[in-house]
């Protein structure tokens, strides 16, 4: 199991369902486990923003770094990255 710290933006864009996107990701990759955004032993930090402004950020160190998701295109890129990292 790989721990993924989750950091959400403030949620000023109600048209982007950040929680649903997160659930979709964890359904696609059941070997990922969500942990608090300040976890010190995270494999990856997932920063989910509702727009390209990207107001959420993380200062948590992780094994493979941060992933910033602001829209569906970013999700698709992360999906490909995770598939490459996890399915070897």
Protein backbone atom coordinates (compact mmCIF):
# COMPACT_ATOMS: atom_id res chain seq x y z
CA UNK A 1 0.00 0.00 0.00
CA UNK A 2 1.20 3.49 -0.91
CA UNK A 3 0.18 6.42 1.29
CA UNK A 4 -1.09 9.49 -0.55
CA UNK A 5 -1.46 12.74 1.37
CA UNK A 6 -4.38 14.85 0.12
CA UNK A 7 -4.48 18.63 0.18
CA UNK A 8 -7.58 20.42 -1.10
CA UNK A 9 -7.91 24.05 -2.16
CA UNK A 10 -10.47 26.34 -0.53
CA UNK A 11 -13.25 25.20 -2.87
CA UNK A 12 -14.27 28.50 -4.42
CA UNK A 13 -15.22 26.74 -7.70
CA UNK A 14 -18.36 24.72 -6.93
CA UNK A 15 -18.47 23.27 -10.46
CA UNK A 16 -15.38 21.12 -9.85
CA UNK A 17 -16.13 18.20 -7.53
CA UNK A 18 -12.76 17.65 -5.92
CA UNK A 19 -14.00 14.90 -3.61
CA UNK A 20 -15.52 12.89 -6.48
CA UNK A 21 -12.27 13.16 -8.42
CA UNK A 22 -10.35 11.89 -5.41
CA UNK A 23 -12.74 8.96 -4.98
CA UNK A 24 -12.38 8.09 -8.67
CA UNK A 25 -8.60 8.00 -8.32
CA UNK A 26 -8.66 5.72 -5.27
CA UNK A 27 -11.14 3.41 -6.99
CA UNK A 28 -8.84 3.15 -10.01
CA UNK A 29 -5.78 2.46 -7.85
CA UNK A 30 -6.82 0.44 -4.78
CA UNK A 31 -3.19 0.10 -3.72
CA UNK A 32 -3.27 3.80 -2.76
CA UNK A 33 -4.36 4.80 0.74
CA UNK A 34 -5.41 8.37 1.56
CA UNK A 35 -3.77 9.97 4.58
CA UNK A 36 -3.89 13.43 6.17
CA UNK A 37 -2.30 16.27 4.25
CA UNK A 38 0.42 16.69 6.89
CA UNK A 39 1.50 13.04 6.90
CA UNK A 40 5.26 12.76 7.11
CA UNK A 41 5.53 9.36 5.45
CA UNK A 42 3.49 9.94 2.28
CA UNK A 43 4.52 8.26 -0.94
CA UNK A 44 2.89 11.11 -2.90
CA UNK A 45 1.15 14.38 -2.09
CA UNK A 46 -1.97 15.02 -4.12
CA UNK A 47 -2.90 18.71 -4.30
CA UNK A 48 -6.42 19.16 -5.69
CA UNK A 49 -7.48 22.62 -6.83
CA UNK A 50 -10.71 23.75 -8.45
CA UNK A 51 -9.04 26.04 -10.99
CA UNK A 52 -5.71 26.86 -12.61
CA UNK A 53 -4.88 29.41 -9.92
CA UNK A 54 -3.63 26.53 -7.78
CA UNK A 55 -4.02 28.24 -4.41
CA UNK A 56 -3.49 25.01 -2.48
CA UNK A 57 0.08 23.92 -1.98
CA UNK A 58 1.93 21.42 0.09
CA UNK A 59 5.18 21.61 1.97
CA UNK A 60 5.11 17.93 2.85
CA UNK A 61 8.01 15.84 1.60
CA UNK A 62 7.10 12.66 -0.21
CA UNK A 63 8.86 9.87 -2.02
CA UNK A 64 7.70 10.69 -5.56
CA UNK A 65 6.70 14.34 -5.10
CA UNK A 66 3.51 16.32 -5.58
CA UNK A 67 0.75 15.98 -8.14
CA UNK A 68 -1.32 19.10 -8.84
CA UNK A 69 -4.81 18.44 -10.18
CA UNK A 70 -6.84 21.42 -11.45
CA UNK A 71 -9.02 19.82 -14.13
CA UNK A 72 -9.83 16.60 -15.98
CA UNK A 73 -6.71 16.89 -18.15
CA UNK A 74 -4.52 16.97 -15.06
CA UNK A 75 -6.37 13.91 -13.77
CA UNK A 76 -5.66 12.02 -17.00
CA UNK A 77 -1.95 12.89 -16.75
CA UNK A 78 -1.84 11.73 -13.13
CA UNK A 79 -3.65 8.52 -14.04
CA UNK A 80 -0.97 7.77 -16.66
CA UNK A 81 1.82 8.64 -14.22
CA UNK A 82 0.37 6.38 -11.52
CA UNK A 83 -0.21 3.55 -13.98
CA UNK A 84 3.47 3.80 -14.94
CA UNK A 85 4.66 3.92 -11.32
CA UNK A 86 2.36 1.27 -9.87
CA UNK A 87 1.82 -1.23 -12.65
CA UNK A 88 5.26 -2.52 -13.45
